[in-house]
């Protein structure tokens, strides 16, 4: 989506340039305007670039977002979890029970950072997530998850080898990262996906 907006931004900028008489100027000026629009679109449509330009660490950036109320921190207590890999996207999915008839879906490749690695002696690690308590930092505007803070106590998970993802869609679950699933019992989700 950001790429589409960047292309529209560049196209609109060039259209305005020619509308105000750009065709009568030297071609090098047109090329300069095009490059200026192209490079400025990187800054305009990627807020992570501003963080890097300011020299902020990830923690400083998130603290600033929290202080400015651009993001919020949500705390959860987990009971049970379902884990599967969506082979169509290569993403890992955790559906975690966080209350009565209430679950949260965490979906993305970043979740592979927390899986057990037993087949490589250099990267040997125990499974780190899902944990009994965890927190999410997400943007207020679009609810995008910026960071997950994991707890210490890893809970049991049900690994589903061949998930029936279509049946989750039929339940109204979209498999969006950070999606809150209400009014669907966890047992029904497990029954549908297994």
N, C-alpha and C. Protein backbone atom coordinates (compact mmCIF):
# COMPACT_ATOMS: atom_id res chain seq x y z
N UNK A 1 0.83 -1.18 0.00
CA UNK A 1 0.00 0.00 0.00
C UNK A 1 0.88 1.25 0.00
N UNK A 2 1.98 1.21 0.79
CA UNK A 2 2.86 2.37 0.84
C UNK A 2 3.49 2.62 -0.52
N UNK A 3 3.81 1.52 -1.23
CA UNK A 3 4.40 1.66 -2.56
C UNK A 3 3.41 2.34 -3.51
N UNK A 4 2.16 1.95 -3.44
CA UNK A 4 1.13 2.56 -4.29
C UNK A 4 1.01 4.05 -3.99
N UNK A 5 0.97 4.41 -2.70
CA UNK A 5 0.88 5.83 -2.34
C UNK A 5 2.13 6.59 -2.79
N UNK A 6 3.29 5.96 -2.70
CA UNK A 6 4.53 6.62 -3.15
C UNK A 6 4.48 6.87 -4.65
N UNK A 7 3.98 5.91 -5.42
CA UNK A 7 3.87 6.10 -6.87
C UNK A 7 2.87 7.21 -7.20
N UNK A 8 1.76 7.25 -6.48
CA UNK A 8 0.78 8.33 -6.70
C UNK A 8 1.40 9.67 -6.34
N UNK A 9 2.15 9.73 -5.25
CA UNK A 9 2.83 10.94 -4.80
C UNK A 9 3.80 11.44 -5.88
N UNK A 10 4.60 10.54 -6.44
CA UNK A 10 5.57 10.92 -7.48
C UNK A 10 4.84 11.38 -8.74
N UNK A 11 3.81 10.61 -9.15
CA UNK A 11 3.05 10.96 -10.35
C UNK A 11 2.35 12.30 -10.22
N UNK A 12 1.74 12.53 -9.06
CA UNK A 12 1.05 13.80 -8.82
C UNK A 12 2.04 14.96 -8.79
N UNK A 13 3.19 14.73 -8.17
CA UNK A 13 4.23 15.77 -8.13
C UNK A 13 4.72 16.15 -9.52
N UNK A 14 4.94 15.15 -10.36
CA UNK A 14 5.40 15.43 -11.73
C UNK A 14 4.29 16.12 -12.54
N UNK A 15 3.04 15.72 -12.32
CA UNK A 15 1.94 16.35 -13.03
C UNK A 15 1.85 17.83 -12.65
N UNK A 16 1.99 18.14 -11.36
CA UNK A 16 1.96 19.54 -10.92
C UNK A 16 3.15 20.30 -11.50
N UNK A 17 4.31 19.66 -11.54
CA UNK A 17 5.51 20.29 -12.10
C UNK A 17 5.27 20.70 -13.56
N UNK A 18 4.71 19.80 -14.36
CA UNK A 18 4.45 20.13 -15.76
C UNK A 18 3.27 21.09 -15.90
N UNK A 19 2.33 21.04 -14.98
CA UNK A 19 1.18 21.95 -15.01
C UNK A 19 1.62 23.40 -14.82
N UNK A 20 2.61 23.64 -13.98
CA UNK A 20 3.07 25.00 -13.72
C UNK A 20 4.17 25.45 -14.69
N UNK A 21 4.40 24.68 -15.73
CA UNK A 21 5.33 25.12 -16.77
C UNK A 21 6.64 24.39 -16.81
N UNK A 22 6.71 23.22 -16.26
CA UNK A 22 7.95 22.45 -16.23
C UNK A 22 8.47 22.05 -17.59
N UNK A 23 7.57 21.96 -18.59
CA UNK A 23 8.04 21.53 -19.92
C UNK A 23 8.90 22.59 -20.60
N UNK A 24 8.84 23.83 -20.11
CA UNK A 24 9.64 24.90 -20.71
C UNK A 24 11.03 25.01 -20.07
N UNK A 25 11.28 24.24 -19.02
CA UNK A 25 12.56 24.29 -18.33
C UNK A 25 13.51 23.23 -18.90
N UNK A 26 14.76 23.33 -18.54
CA UNK A 26 15.78 22.40 -19.01
C UNK A 26 15.45 20.98 -18.52
N UNK A 27 15.70 19.95 -19.34
CA UNK A 27 15.37 18.57 -18.94
C UNK A 27 16.06 18.12 -17.65
N UNK A 28 17.25 18.66 -17.36
CA UNK A 28 17.93 18.27 -16.12
C UNK A 28 17.14 18.70 -14.89
N UNK A 29 16.38 19.78 -15.00
CA UNK A 29 15.55 20.22 -13.88
C UNK A 29 14.43 19.21 -13.65
N UNK A 30 13.85 18.70 -14.76
CA UNK A 30 12.80 17.67 -14.64
C UNK A 30 13.35 16.42 -13.96
N UNK A 31 14.55 16.02 -14.35
CA UNK A 31 15.17 14.84 -13.73
C UNK A 31 15.43 15.10 -12.25
N UNK A 32 15.89 16.30 -11.92
CA UNK A 32 16.13 16.66 -10.52
C UNK A 32 14.85 16.63 -9.69
N UNK A 33 13.76 17.16 -10.26
CA UNK A 33 12.47 17.14 -9.55
C UNK A 33 12.01 15.70 -9.35
N UNK A 34 12.19 14.87 -10.38
CA UNK A 34 11.78 13.47 -10.27
C UNK A 34 12.56 12.76 -9.16
N UNK A 35 13.89 12.96 -9.12
CA UNK A 35 14.70 12.35 -8.06
C UNK A 35 14.31 12.88 -6.68
N UNK A 36 14.04 14.18 -6.59
CA UNK A 36 13.63 14.76 -5.30
C UNK A 36 12.32 14.14 -4.83
N UNK A 37 11.37 13.97 -5.74
CA UNK A 37 10.10 13.34 -5.38
C UNK A 37 10.30 11.88 -4.98
N UNK A 38 11.15 11.18 -5.72
CA UNK A 38 11.38 9.77 -5.44
C UNK A 38 12.01 9.59 -4.06
N UNK A 39 13.06 10.35 -3.76
CA UNK A 39 13.73 10.19 -2.47
C UNK A 39 12.89 10.73 -1.31
N UNK A 40 12.13 11.79 -1.55
CA UNK A 40 11.28 12.30 -0.47
C UNK A 40 10.13 11.33 -0.18
N UNK A 41 9.71 10.55 -1.18
CA UNK A 41 8.64 9.57 -0.93
C UNK A 41 9.09 8.50 0.05
N UNK A 42 10.38 8.18 0.06
CA UNK A 42 10.90 7.21 1.02
C UNK A 42 10.71 7.73 2.44
N UNK A 43 10.95 9.01 2.65
CA UNK A 43 10.81 9.60 3.98
C UNK A 43 9.33 9.78 4.33
N UNK A 44 8.54 10.22 3.36
CA UNK A 44 7.13 10.51 3.63
C UNK A 44 6.35 9.23 3.95
N UNK A 45 6.64 8.14 3.25
CA UNK A 45 5.82 6.94 3.39
C UNK A 45 6.46 5.82 4.22
N UNK A 46 7.60 6.06 4.82
CA UNK A 46 8.24 5.07 5.69
C UNK A 46 8.66 5.74 6.98
N UNK A 47 7.85 5.61 8.02
CA UNK A 47 8.17 6.29 9.26
C UNK A 47 9.40 5.70 9.93
N UNK A 48 9.78 4.49 9.61
CA UNK A 48 10.99 3.90 10.16
C UNK A 48 12.24 4.63 9.71
N UNK A 49 12.19 5.27 8.55
CA UNK A 49 13.32 6.04 8.04
C UNK A 49 13.60 7.22 8.97
N UNK A 50 12.55 7.88 9.45
CA UNK A 50 12.74 9.02 10.35
C UNK A 50 13.43 8.58 11.63
N UNK A 51 13.08 7.39 12.11
CA UNK A 51 13.72 6.86 13.31
C UNK A 51 15.22 6.69 13.07
N UNK A 52 15.58 6.16 11.92
CA UNK A 52 16.99 5.96 11.60
C UNK A 52 17.72 7.28 11.40
N UNK A 53 17.04 8.24 10.77
CA UNK A 53 17.66 9.55 10.57
C UNK A 53 17.91 10.26 11.90
N UNK A 54 17.01 10.06 12.87
CA UNK A 54 17.18 10.67 14.19
C UNK A 54 18.23 9.93 15.02
N UNK A 55 18.61 8.74 14.60
CA UNK A 55 19.58 7.95 15.35
C UNK A 55 18.98 7.29 16.59
N UNK A 56 17.68 7.02 16.55
CA UNK A 56 17.00 6.42 17.69
C UNK A 56 17.12 4.90 17.65
N UNK A 57 17.21 4.31 18.82
CA UNK A 57 17.14 2.86 18.91
C UNK A 57 15.66 2.46 18.82
N UNK A 58 15.42 1.17 18.65
CA UNK A 58 14.05 0.68 18.57
C UNK A 58 13.28 0.99 19.86
N UNK A 59 13.94 0.81 21.01
CA UNK A 59 13.28 1.09 22.29
C UNK A 59 12.96 2.57 22.46
N UNK A 60 13.88 3.45 22.07
CA UNK A 60 13.64 4.89 22.16
C UNK A 60 12.48 5.30 21.25
N UNK A 61 12.45 4.73 20.07
CA UNK A 61 11.38 5.03 19.11
C UNK A 61 10.02 4.61 19.68
N UNK A 62 9.95 3.39 20.25
CA UNK A 62 8.68 2.92 20.80
C UNK A 62 8.28 3.72 22.04
N UNK A 63 9.25 4.09 22.88
CA UNK A 63 8.94 4.93 24.04
C UNK A 63 8.37 6.28 23.60
N UNK A 64 8.94 6.85 22.55
CA UNK A 64 8.43 8.12 22.02
C UNK A 64 7.01 7.97 21.49
N UNK A 65 6.76 6.87 20.78
CA UNK A 65 5.40 6.62 20.25
C UNK A 65 4.40 6.46 21.40
N UNK A 66 4.80 5.78 22.47
CA UNK A 66 3.91 5.60 23.61
C UNK A 66 3.64 6.93 24.31
N UNK A 67 4.67 7.76 24.48
CA UNK A 67 4.50 9.06 25.14
C UNK A 67 3.61 10.00 24.34
N UNK A 68 3.71 9.93 23.02
CA UNK A 68 2.90 10.80 22.16
C UNK A 68 1.51 10.22 21.89
N UNK A 69 1.18 9.11 22.54
CA UNK A 69 -0.10 8.42 22.34
C UNK A 69 -0.32 8.00 20.89
N UNK A 70 0.75 7.69 20.19
CA UNK A 70 0.64 7.15 18.84
C UNK A 70 0.59 5.63 18.87
N UNK A 71 0.92 5.06 20.03
CA UNK A 71 0.89 3.61 20.22
C UNK A 71 0.39 3.32 21.63
N UNK A 72 -0.02 2.08 21.83
CA UNK A 72 -0.48 1.67 23.15
C UNK A 72 0.10 0.30 23.48
N UNK A 73 0.22 0.04 24.77
CA UNK A 73 0.72 -1.25 25.23
C UNK A 73 -0.43 -2.02 25.84
N UNK A 74 -0.66 -3.23 25.34
CA UNK A 74 -1.75 -4.08 25.81
C UNK A 74 -1.15 -5.30 26.50
N UNK A 75 -1.66 -5.63 27.68
CA UNK A 75 -1.17 -6.77 28.44
C UNK A 75 -2.19 -7.90 28.36
N UNK A 76 -1.69 -9.13 28.20
CA UNK A 76 -2.56 -10.30 28.07
C UNK A 76 -2.08 -11.42 28.96
N UNK A 77 -3.04 -12.24 29.40
CA UNK A 77 -2.76 -13.50 30.10
C UNK A 77 -3.26 -14.62 29.20
N UNK A 78 -2.39 -15.55 28.91
CA UNK A 78 -2.73 -16.64 27.99
C UNK A 78 -3.05 -17.91 28.76
N UNK A 79 -3.97 -18.68 28.22
CA UNK A 79 -4.34 -19.95 28.83
C UNK A 79 -3.85 -21.11 27.98
N UNK A 80 -4.22 -21.11 26.72
CA UNK A 80 -3.86 -22.19 25.79
C UNK A 80 -3.50 -21.55 24.46
N UNK A 81 -2.87 -22.34 23.60
CA UNK A 81 -2.48 -21.80 22.29
C UNK A 81 -2.56 -22.89 21.22
N UNK A 82 -2.88 -22.44 20.03
CA UNK A 82 -2.83 -23.28 18.83
C UNK A 82 -1.76 -22.67 17.94
N UNK A 83 -0.89 -23.51 17.42
CA UNK A 83 0.19 -23.02 16.55
C UNK A 83 0.18 -23.80 15.25
N UNK A 84 0.29 -23.08 14.15
CA UNK A 84 0.40 -23.74 12.85
C UNK A 84 1.11 -22.81 11.89
N UNK A 85 1.57 -23.40 10.80
CA UNK A 85 2.24 -22.63 9.76
C UNK A 85 1.31 -22.51 8.57
N UNK A 86 1.13 -21.29 8.09
CA UNK A 86 0.35 -21.05 6.88
C UNK A 86 1.29 -21.23 5.71
N UNK A 87 1.20 -22.36 5.05
CA UNK A 87 2.13 -22.69 3.97
C UNK A 87 1.97 -21.79 2.75
N UNK A 88 0.82 -21.16 2.61
CA UNK A 88 0.61 -20.28 1.46
C UNK A 88 1.40 -18.98 1.59
N UNK A 89 1.72 -18.57 2.82
CA UNK A 89 2.47 -17.32 3.02
C UNK A 89 3.80 -17.53 3.71
N UNK A 90 4.02 -18.72 4.29
CA UNK A 90 5.24 -18.97 5.03
C UNK A 90 5.24 -18.31 6.40
N UNK A 91 4.07 -17.94 6.89
CA UNK A 91 3.97 -17.27 8.19
C UNK A 91 3.56 -18.26 9.27
N UNK A 92 4.02 -18.00 10.46
CA UNK A 92 3.63 -18.79 11.62
C UNK A 92 2.42 -18.11 12.25
N UNK A 93 1.52 -18.91 12.78
CA UNK A 93 0.30 -18.36 13.40
C UNK A 93 0.12 -18.96 14.78
N UNK A 94 -0.13 -18.10 15.75
CA UNK A 94 -0.53 -18.51 17.10
C UNK A 94 -1.93 -17.96 17.33
N UNK A 95 -2.85 -18.82 17.69
CA UNK A 95 -4.15 -18.37 18.18
C UNK A 95 -4.14 -18.69 19.67
N UNK A 96 -4.21 -17.65 20.48
CA UNK A 96 -3.99 -17.77 21.92
C UNK A 96 -5.27 -17.41 22.66
N UNK A 97 -5.70 -18.31 23.54
CA UNK A 97 -6.88 -18.04 24.37
C UNK A 97 -6.49 -17.05 25.46
N UNK A 98 -7.19 -15.90 25.51
CA UNK A 98 -6.87 -14.86 26.49
C UNK A 98 -8.03 -14.58 27.45
N UNK A 99 -9.12 -15.32 27.30
CA UNK A 99 -10.28 -15.13 28.17
C UNK A 99 -11.38 -16.08 27.75
N UNK A 100 -12.53 -15.96 28.40
CA UNK A 100 -13.67 -16.80 28.04
C UNK A 100 -14.19 -16.36 26.68
N UNK A 101 -14.21 -17.29 25.74
CA UNK A 101 -14.64 -17.02 24.36
C UNK A 101 -13.91 -15.83 23.75
N UNK A 102 -12.66 -15.68 24.12
CA UNK A 102 -11.85 -14.56 23.63
C UNK A 102 -10.43 -15.05 23.34
N UNK A 103 -9.97 -14.79 22.13
CA UNK A 103 -8.63 -15.21 21.71
C UNK A 103 -7.98 -14.08 20.92
N UNK A 104 -6.69 -14.22 20.72
CA UNK A 104 -5.96 -13.27 19.89
C UNK A 104 -5.15 -14.07 18.88
N UNK A 105 -5.07 -13.54 17.67
CA UNK A 105 -4.30 -14.17 16.60
C UNK A 105 -3.02 -13.37 16.39
N UNK A 106 -1.90 -14.03 16.50
CA UNK A 106 -0.62 -13.42 16.15
C UNK A 106 -0.11 -14.15 14.92
N UNK A 107 0.23 -13.38 13.89
CA UNK A 107 0.48 -13.97 12.58
C UNK A 107 1.64 -13.23 11.91
N UNK A 108 2.67 -13.95 11.56
CA UNK A 108 3.77 -13.32 10.85
C UNK A 108 5.05 -14.12 10.94
N UNK A 109 6.01 -13.73 10.13
CA UNK A 109 7.29 -14.42 10.11
C UNK A 109 8.14 -14.06 11.32
N UNK A 110 7.87 -12.93 11.96
CA UNK A 110 8.63 -12.54 13.14
C UNK A 110 8.47 -13.55 14.28
N UNK A 111 7.40 -14.34 14.25
CA UNK A 111 7.16 -15.32 15.31
C UNK A 111 8.15 -16.49 15.26
N UNK A 112 8.83 -16.67 14.13
CA UNK A 112 9.84 -17.73 14.05
C UNK A 112 11.02 -17.45 14.98
N UNK A 113 11.19 -16.21 15.43
CA UNK A 113 12.27 -15.88 16.37
C UNK A 113 12.09 -16.58 17.71
N UNK A 114 10.88 -17.05 17.99
CA UNK A 114 10.57 -17.63 19.30
C UNK A 114 10.40 -19.14 19.28
N UNK A 115 10.57 -19.80 18.12
CA UNK A 115 10.36 -21.24 18.03
C UNK A 115 11.58 -22.00 18.53
N UNK A 116 11.36 -23.26 18.85
CA UNK A 116 12.45 -24.13 19.28
C UNK A 116 13.35 -24.46 18.10
N UNK A 117 14.65 -24.37 18.31
CA UNK A 117 15.62 -24.75 17.29
C UNK A 117 16.49 -25.84 17.92
N UNK A 118 16.30 -27.07 17.45
CA UNK A 118 17.04 -28.20 18.03
C UNK A 118 17.99 -28.84 17.03
N UNK A 119 17.83 -28.54 15.74
CA UNK A 119 18.62 -29.23 14.73
C UNK A 119 19.90 -28.49 14.33
N UNK A 120 20.19 -27.36 14.94
CA UNK A 120 21.41 -26.60 14.65
C UNK A 120 22.11 -26.30 15.97
N UNK A 121 23.29 -26.92 16.20
CA UNK A 121 23.96 -26.73 17.49
C UNK A 121 24.37 -25.28 17.76
N UNK A 122 24.61 -24.50 16.72
CA UNK A 122 25.00 -23.10 16.92
C UNK A 122 23.83 -22.22 17.32
N UNK A 123 22.64 -22.56 16.85
CA UNK A 123 21.45 -21.74 17.12
C UNK A 123 20.49 -22.41 18.10
N UNK A 124 20.97 -23.38 18.84
CA UNK A 124 20.12 -24.16 19.74
C UNK A 124 19.36 -23.23 20.69
N UNK A 125 18.02 -23.33 20.67
CA UNK A 125 17.20 -22.51 21.56
C UNK A 125 15.92 -23.24 21.92
N UNK A 126 15.45 -23.02 23.12
CA UNK A 126 14.17 -23.56 23.57
C UNK A 126 13.06 -22.66 23.03
N UNK A 127 11.86 -23.22 22.98
CA UNK A 127 10.71 -22.42 22.56
C UNK A 127 10.48 -21.33 23.59
N UNK A 128 10.25 -20.10 23.12
CA UNK A 128 10.11 -18.94 24.00
C UNK A 128 8.69 -18.38 24.07
N UNK A 129 7.83 -18.80 23.17
CA UNK A 129 6.49 -18.22 23.08
C UNK A 129 5.55 -19.25 22.52
N UNK A 130 4.29 -19.26 22.84
CA UNK A 130 3.49 -18.39 23.69
C UNK A 130 3.80 -18.57 25.18
N UNK A 131 3.68 -17.47 25.90
CA UNK A 131 3.92 -17.46 27.34
C UNK A 131 2.63 -17.11 28.07
N UNK A 132 2.61 -17.39 29.36
CA UNK A 132 1.38 -17.18 30.14
C UNK A 132 1.01 -15.70 30.24
N UNK A 133 2.00 -14.83 30.16
CA UNK A 133 1.75 -13.39 30.13
C UNK A 133 2.61 -12.78 29.03
N UNK A 134 2.04 -11.85 28.31
CA UNK A 134 2.79 -11.14 27.27
C UNK A 134 2.14 -9.79 27.04
N UNK A 135 2.87 -8.92 26.36
CA UNK A 135 2.34 -7.58 26.06
C UNK A 135 2.61 -7.27 24.60
N UNK A 136 1.72 -6.52 24.01
CA UNK A 136 1.87 -6.06 22.62
C UNK A 136 1.92 -4.54 22.62
N UNK A 137 2.82 -4.00 21.83
CA UNK A 137 2.81 -2.56 21.56
C UNK A 137 2.31 -2.42 20.14
N UNK A 138 1.21 -1.70 20.00
CA UNK A 138 0.63 -1.54 18.66
C UNK A 138 0.26 -0.09 18.41
N UNK A 139 0.28 0.28 17.13
CA UNK A 139 -0.09 1.63 16.73
C UNK A 139 -1.56 1.86 16.99
N UNK A 140 -1.90 3.08 17.38
CA UNK A 140 -3.30 3.43 17.59
C UNK A 140 -4.03 3.57 16.27
N UNK A 141 -3.34 4.06 15.25
CA UNK A 141 -3.99 4.39 13.98
C UNK A 141 -4.47 3.15 13.24
N UNK A 142 -3.58 2.18 13.02
CA UNK A 142 -3.95 1.03 12.21
C UNK A 142 -3.82 -0.30 12.96
N UNK A 143 -3.52 -0.24 14.25
CA UNK A 143 -3.41 -1.41 15.13
C UNK A 143 -2.29 -2.37 14.74
N UNK A 144 -1.33 -1.89 13.96
CA UNK A 144 -0.17 -2.71 13.58
C UNK A 144 0.66 -3.00 14.82
N UNK A 145 1.09 -4.26 14.95
CA UNK A 145 1.92 -4.64 16.09
C UNK A 145 3.36 -4.21 15.82
N UNK A 146 3.90 -3.42 16.74
CA UNK A 146 5.26 -2.92 16.61
C UNK A 146 6.25 -3.81 17.36
N UNK A 147 5.82 -4.37 18.49
CA UNK A 147 6.70 -5.23 19.26
C UNK A 147 5.87 -6.13 20.16
N UNK A 148 6.42 -7.30 20.43
CA UNK A 148 5.81 -8.21 21.39
C UNK A 148 6.80 -8.41 22.52
N UNK A 149 6.35 -8.21 23.74
CA UNK A 149 7.16 -8.44 24.94
C UNK A 149 6.70 -9.75 25.55
N UNK A 150 7.56 -10.76 25.50
CA UNK A 150 7.17 -12.08 25.97
C UNK A 150 7.46 -12.23 27.45
N UNK A 151 6.72 -13.13 28.09
CA UNK A 151 6.93 -13.43 29.50
C UNK A 151 7.94 -14.57 29.67
N UNK A 152 7.99 -15.10 30.89
CA UNK A 152 8.97 -16.15 31.20
C UNK A 152 8.41 -17.55 31.12
N UNK A 153 7.15 -17.72 31.49
CA UNK A 153 6.55 -19.06 31.58
C UNK A 153 5.90 -19.46 30.26
N UNK A 154 6.52 -20.40 29.57
CA UNK A 154 6.00 -20.88 28.28
C UNK A 154 4.83 -21.82 28.56
N UNK A 155 3.73 -21.63 27.83
CA UNK A 155 2.55 -22.48 28.01
C UNK A 155 2.52 -23.56 26.94
N UNK A 156 1.69 -24.56 27.20
CA UNK A 156 1.52 -25.64 26.23
C UNK A 156 0.81 -25.10 24.99
N UNK A 157 1.20 -25.66 23.86
CA UNK A 157 0.54 -25.29 22.61
C UNK A 157 0.16 -26.55 21.86
N UNK A 158 -0.88 -26.46 21.07
CA UNK A 158 -1.29 -27.55 20.20
C UNK A 158 -0.74 -27.22 18.82
N UNK A 159 0.18 -28.06 18.34
CA UNK A 159 0.74 -27.86 17.00
C UNK A 159 -0.14 -28.57 15.99
N UNK A 160 -0.60 -27.86 15.00
CA UNK A 160 -1.44 -28.43 13.95
C UNK A 160 -0.60 -28.51 12.69
N UNK A 161 -0.40 -29.74 12.21
CA UNK A 161 0.47 -29.96 11.04
C UNK A 161 -0.18 -29.54 9.73
N UNK A 162 -1.41 -29.93 9.51
CA UNK A 162 -2.13 -29.59 8.27
C UNK A 162 -3.37 -28.77 8.62
N UNK A 163 -3.19 -27.49 8.86
CA UNK A 163 -4.34 -26.68 9.30
C UNK A 163 -5.37 -26.49 8.21
N UNK A 164 -6.61 -26.48 8.62
CA UNK A 164 -7.72 -26.22 7.69
C UNK A 164 -8.07 -24.74 7.81
N UNK A 165 -7.29 -23.93 7.11
CA UNK A 165 -7.41 -22.48 7.22
C UNK A 165 -8.75 -21.99 6.68
N UNK A 166 -9.28 -22.66 5.66
CA UNK A 166 -10.58 -22.26 5.11
C UNK A 166 -11.67 -22.31 6.17
N UNK A 167 -11.58 -23.28 7.06
CA UNK A 167 -12.60 -23.40 8.11
C UNK A 167 -12.48 -22.27 9.13
N UNK A 168 -11.28 -21.74 9.31
CA UNK A 168 -11.13 -20.56 10.18
C UNK A 168 -11.78 -19.34 9.54
N UNK A 169 -11.58 -19.20 8.22
CA UNK A 169 -12.22 -18.09 7.50
C UNK A 169 -13.75 -18.18 7.62
N UNK A 170 -14.27 -19.41 7.57
CA UNK A 170 -15.72 -19.60 7.69
C UNK A 170 -16.24 -19.15 9.06
N UNK A 171 -15.38 -19.26 10.08
CA UNK A 171 -15.76 -18.78 11.42
C UNK A 171 -15.68 -17.26 11.54
N UNK A 172 -15.11 -16.62 10.52
CA UNK A 172 -14.95 -15.16 10.55
C UNK A 172 -13.59 -14.72 11.03
N UNK A 173 -12.66 -15.66 11.17
CA UNK A 173 -11.30 -15.33 11.59
C UNK A 173 -10.48 -15.00 10.35
N UNK A 174 -9.87 -13.82 10.34
CA UNK A 174 -9.16 -13.34 9.15
C UNK A 174 -7.68 -13.69 9.14
N UNK A 175 -7.15 -14.13 10.28
CA UNK A 175 -5.71 -14.40 10.44
C UNK A 175 -4.89 -13.13 10.22
N UNK A 176 -5.35 -12.03 10.79
CA UNK A 176 -4.58 -10.79 10.78
C UNK A 176 -3.73 -10.74 12.05
N UNK A 177 -2.55 -10.20 11.95
CA UNK A 177 -1.67 -10.09 13.11
C UNK A 177 -2.29 -9.15 14.14
N UNK A 178 -2.53 -9.67 15.33
CA UNK A 178 -3.12 -8.88 16.40
C UNK A 178 -4.64 -8.89 16.42
N UNK A 179 -5.25 -9.69 15.57
CA UNK A 179 -6.72 -9.75 15.50
C UNK A 179 -7.30 -10.32 16.79
N UNK A 180 -8.23 -9.60 17.37
CA UNK A 180 -8.95 -10.09 18.55
C UNK A 180 -10.16 -10.88 18.09
N UNK A 181 -10.29 -12.08 18.60
CA UNK A 181 -11.37 -12.99 18.21
C UNK A 181 -12.33 -13.08 19.39
N UNK A 182 -13.53 -12.58 19.21
CA UNK A 182 -14.52 -12.54 20.30
C UNK A 182 -15.67 -13.50 19.99
N UNK A 183 -16.28 -14.00 21.04
CA UNK A 183 -17.51 -14.80 20.98
C UNK A 183 -17.36 -16.11 20.22
N UNK A 184 -16.14 -16.61 20.12
CA UNK A 184 -15.92 -17.94 19.53
C UNK A 184 -15.12 -18.74 20.55
N UNK A 185 -15.70 -19.83 21.07
CA UNK A 185 -14.96 -20.63 22.05
C UNK A 185 -13.66 -21.18 21.46
N UNK A 186 -12.64 -21.25 22.30
CA UNK A 186 -11.33 -21.74 21.87
C UNK A 186 -11.44 -23.18 21.35
N UNK A 187 -12.28 -23.98 22.00
CA UNK A 187 -12.45 -25.38 21.57
C UNK A 187 -13.02 -25.45 20.15
N UNK A 188 -13.87 -24.51 19.81
CA UNK A 188 -14.44 -24.49 18.45
C UNK A 188 -13.38 -24.11 17.42
N UNK A 189 -12.49 -23.17 17.78
CA UNK A 189 -11.40 -22.79 16.89
C UNK A 189 -10.48 -23.98 16.67
N UNK A 190 -10.14 -24.69 17.75
CA UNK A 190 -9.27 -25.86 17.65
C UNK A 190 -9.91 -26.94 16.80
N UNK A 191 -11.19 -27.16 16.99
CA UNK A 191 -11.92 -28.16 16.20
C UNK A 191 -11.92 -27.79 14.72
N UNK A 192 -12.06 -26.52 14.42
CA UNK A 192 -12.12 -26.07 13.03
C UNK A 192 -10.77 -26.20 12.33
N UNK A 193 -9.70 -25.85 13.01
CA UNK A 193 -8.39 -25.81 12.36
C UNK A 193 -7.74 -27.19 12.26
N UNK A 194 -8.06 -28.09 13.20
CA UNK A 194 -7.40 -29.41 13.24
C UNK A 194 -7.95 -30.38 12.22
